[in-house]
Protein backbone atom coordinates (compact mmCIF):
# COMPACT_ATOMS: atom_id res chain seq x y z
CA UNK A 1 227.21 86.71 188.43
CA UNK A 2 224.57 83.93 188.19
CA UNK A 3 226.14 80.59 189.26
CA UNK A 4 225.20 77.24 187.96
CA UNK A 5 226.27 74.04 189.29
CA UNK A 6 226.54 71.42 186.49
CA UNK A 7 226.77 67.82 187.78
CA UNK A 8 227.61 65.37 184.92
CA UNK A 9 229.62 61.98 184.95
CA UNK A 10 230.09 62.22 181.06
CA UNK A 11 233.32 64.21 180.43
CA UNK A 12 232.56 65.52 177.08
CA UNK A 13 228.92 66.71 177.96
CA UNK A 14 230.40 68.24 181.37
CA UNK A 15 232.88 70.17 179.31
CA UNK A 16 230.50 71.29 176.61
CA UNK A 17 227.87 72.29 179.04
CA UNK A 18 230.53 74.34 181.24
CA UNK A 19 231.98 76.14 177.95
CA UNK A 20 228.70 77.00 176.66
CA UNK A 21 227.11 78.14 179.85
CA UNK A 22 230.39 80.17 180.56
CA UNK A 23 230.15 81.72 176.89
CA UNK A 24 226.72 82.88 177.94
CA UNK A 25 227.98 84.80 180.93
CA UNK A 26 227.29 82.26 183.80
CA UNK A 27 229.77 81.24 186.44
CA UNK A 28 230.01 77.66 186.22
CA UNK A 29 230.68 75.14 188.87
CA UNK A 30 231.29 71.48 187.89
CA UNK A 31 231.03 67.93 189.67
CA UNK A 32 231.37 64.57 188.27
CA UNK A 33 228.81 62.82 190.45
CA UNK A 34 226.18 63.59 193.06
CA UNK A 35 228.47 63.27 196.14
CA UNK A 36 230.79 66.03 194.47
CA UNK A 37 227.73 68.02 193.57
CA UNK A 38 226.42 67.88 197.46
CA UNK A 39 230.07 68.80 198.36
CA UNK A 40 230.12 71.74 196.03
CA UNK A 41 226.68 72.94 197.64
CA UNK A 42 228.45 73.46 200.81
CA UNK A 43 231.08 75.61 199.43
CA UNK A 44 229.27 77.48 196.53
CA UNK A 45 225.35 78.35 196.90
CA UNK A 46 224.55 78.18 193.04
CA UNK A 47 221.38 79.81 191.62
CA UNK A 48 220.52 76.60 189.95
CA UNK A 49 221.78 73.05 189.59
CA UNK A 50 221.71 71.29 186.19
CA UNK A 51 222.24 67.50 187.23
CA UNK A 52 222.29 64.21 185.16
CA UNK A 53 220.09 61.54 186.48
CA UNK A 54 222.00 58.45 186.07
CA UNK A 55 225.60 58.82 187.77
CA UNK A 56 227.86 56.79 189.98
CA UNK A 57 228.11 57.33 193.79
CA UNK A 58 225.22 59.30 194.19
CA UNK A 59 222.66 59.62 191.43
CA UNK A 60 220.69 63.01 190.40
CA UNK A 61 217.51 61.95 192.01
CA UNK A 62 219.05 61.32 195.35
CA UNK A 63 221.01 64.66 194.91
CA UNK A 64 217.60 66.41 194.23
CA UNK A 65 216.05 64.88 197.45
CA UNK A 66 219.03 65.85 199.52
CA UNK A 67 218.94 69.56 198.17
CA UNK A 68 215.00 69.72 198.94
CA UNK A 69 215.14 68.00 202.45
CA UNK A 70 217.99 70.57 203.51
CA UNK A 71 216.49 74.07 204.40
CA UNK A 72 219.80 75.75 203.37
CA UNK A 73 219.35 74.49 199.78
CA UNK A 74 215.76 73.90 199.28
CA UNK A 75 215.21 77.36 197.20
CA UNK A 76 217.91 76.23 194.62
CA UNK A 77 216.20 74.86 191.66
CA UNK A 78 217.38 71.62 190.38
CA UNK A 79 217.08 70.92 186.73
CA UNK A 80 217.45 67.06 185.94
CA UNK A 81 218.64 65.89 182.61
CA UNK A 82 218.61 62.16 181.14
CA UNK A 83 218.06 60.15 178.06
CA UNK A 84 215.69 58.09 180.19
CA UNK A 85 212.05 59.27 181.07
CA UNK A 86 211.67 61.67 183.57
CA UNK A 87 211.74 60.20 187.10
CA UNK A 88 208.65 60.38 189.24
CA UNK A 89 208.42 63.20 191.52
CA UNK A 90 208.27 60.69 194.50
CA UNK A 91 211.54 59.16 193.71
CA UNK A 92 213.52 62.38 192.71
CA UNK A 93 211.90 64.77 194.90
CA UNK A 94 210.76 68.09 193.58
CA UNK A 95 212.81 69.28 190.73
CA UNK A 96 212.09 72.57 188.91
CA UNK A 97 212.44 71.05 185.38
CA UNK A 98 213.45 68.16 183.33
CA UNK A 99 215.56 68.21 180.17
CA UNK A 100 215.32 65.22 177.71
CA UNK A 101 218.81 64.34 176.20
CA UNK A 102 219.82 65.03 173.58
CA UNK A 103 218.65 68.67 174.23
CA UNK A 104 219.48 71.94 172.40
CA UNK A 105 221.46 74.95 173.81
CA UNK A 106 218.23 77.13 173.43
CA UNK A 107 216.42 74.43 175.45
CA UNK A 108 219.15 74.52 178.34
CA UNK A 109 219.20 78.16 178.32
CA UNK A 110 215.48 78.54 178.29
CA UNK A 111 214.99 76.29 181.14
CA UNK A 112 217.99 77.80 183.28
CA UNK A 113 216.57 81.52 182.71
CA UNK A 114 213.13 80.45 183.50
CA UNK A 115 213.97 78.51 187.10
CA UNK A 116 216.62 81.12 187.98
CA UNK A 117 214.21 83.89 187.15
CA UNK A 118 211.52 82.24 189.19
CA UNK A 119 213.99 82.07 192.07
CA UNK A 120 214.65 85.85 191.53
CA UNK A 121 218.32 85.55 190.82
CA UNK A 122 219.65 87.99 188.01
CA UNK A 123 221.79 86.98 184.95
CA UNK A 124 224.53 89.55 185.20
CA UNK A 125 228.39 88.99 184.49
CA UNK A 126 230.96 90.36 186.93
CA UNK A 127 233.05 92.01 184.22
CA UNK A 128 231.13 94.01 181.37
CA UNK A 129 234.57 95.01 179.77
CA UNK A 130 235.31 91.37 178.70
CA UNK A 131 234.28 90.26 175.36
CA UNK A 132 231.13 87.94 175.50
CA UNK A 133 230.27 89.01 179.17
CA UNK A 134 228.15 91.69 180.75
CA UNK A 135 224.45 92.12 180.80
CA UNK A 136 224.35 94.11 177.56
CA UNK A 137 226.23 91.61 175.39
CA UNK A 138 224.04 88.78 176.98
CA UNK A 139 220.79 90.63 176.15
CA UNK A 140 222.32 91.48 172.61
CA UNK A 141 223.24 87.99 171.85
CA UNK A 142 220.13 86.48 173.06
CA UNK A 143 218.11 89.19 171.16
CA UNK A 144 220.25 88.38 167.98
CA UNK A 145 219.74 84.68 168.62
CA UNK A 146 215.92 85.17 168.70
CA UNK A 147 215.27 87.83 166.12
CA UNK A 148 218.02 87.17 163.23
CA UNK A 149 219.20 84.75 160.63
CA UNK A 150 222.67 85.10 162.01
CA UNK A 151 221.33 84.29 165.76
CA UNK A 152 219.43 81.44 164.27
CA UNK A 153 222.51 79.96 162.48
CA UNK A 154 224.50 80.54 165.91
CA UNK A 155 221.85 78.58 167.82
CA UNK A 156 221.74 75.81 165.25
CA UNK A 157 225.53 75.49 165.17
CA UNK A 158 225.70 75.35 168.85
CA UNK A 159 222.85 72.92 169.18
CA UNK A 160 224.48 70.78 166.50
CA UNK A 161 227.57 70.73 168.58
CA UNK A 162 225.68 69.42 171.70
CA UNK A 163 224.08 66.67 169.61
CA UNK A 164 227.40 65.65 168.00
CA UNK A 165 228.94 65.35 171.60
CA UNK A 166 225.93 63.47 173.08
CA UNK A 167 225.98 60.90 170.02
CA UNK A 168 229.69 60.52 170.47
CA UNK A 169 229.21 59.51 174.03
CA UNK A 170 227.29 56.50 173.12
CA UNK A 171 224.64 55.89 175.99
CA UNK A 172 223.93 58.82 177.41
CA UNK A 173 222.67 58.69 180.95
């Protein structure tokens, strides 16, 4: 199963991303700041890190530099996300992608799939008998989302949920 570490200090965004990625068949590990994120890396080596930039304790740019400087973690792609402009590569280290807040579910999924594919991981759920999991369901749902009106409506509804949560948080970091 593909594991994503989500590092986000805004609880509503963290909960939403965790639920949505879990629904897509990812194993999700969460951290509420960069220090917790680095601690999680020591326990679970994720296939990708989705990380807010502005956080307490250790910010996302610093987490990214730590990941890139450690040979044990260097191959893990870090996707930074923020309402602020993307950080300069020199200040954040080498990050795999940047998501501007507010973002859509499709944007998150597309970026994660791209950076994970580039790394060579496979998006396969551990239990194909559970509803909403397994590679066949993931492929069918992704195909439906791209190719049908029902899929488009599903994507719009999920994207609208993300936008509502991001707006409700106030100043998103």
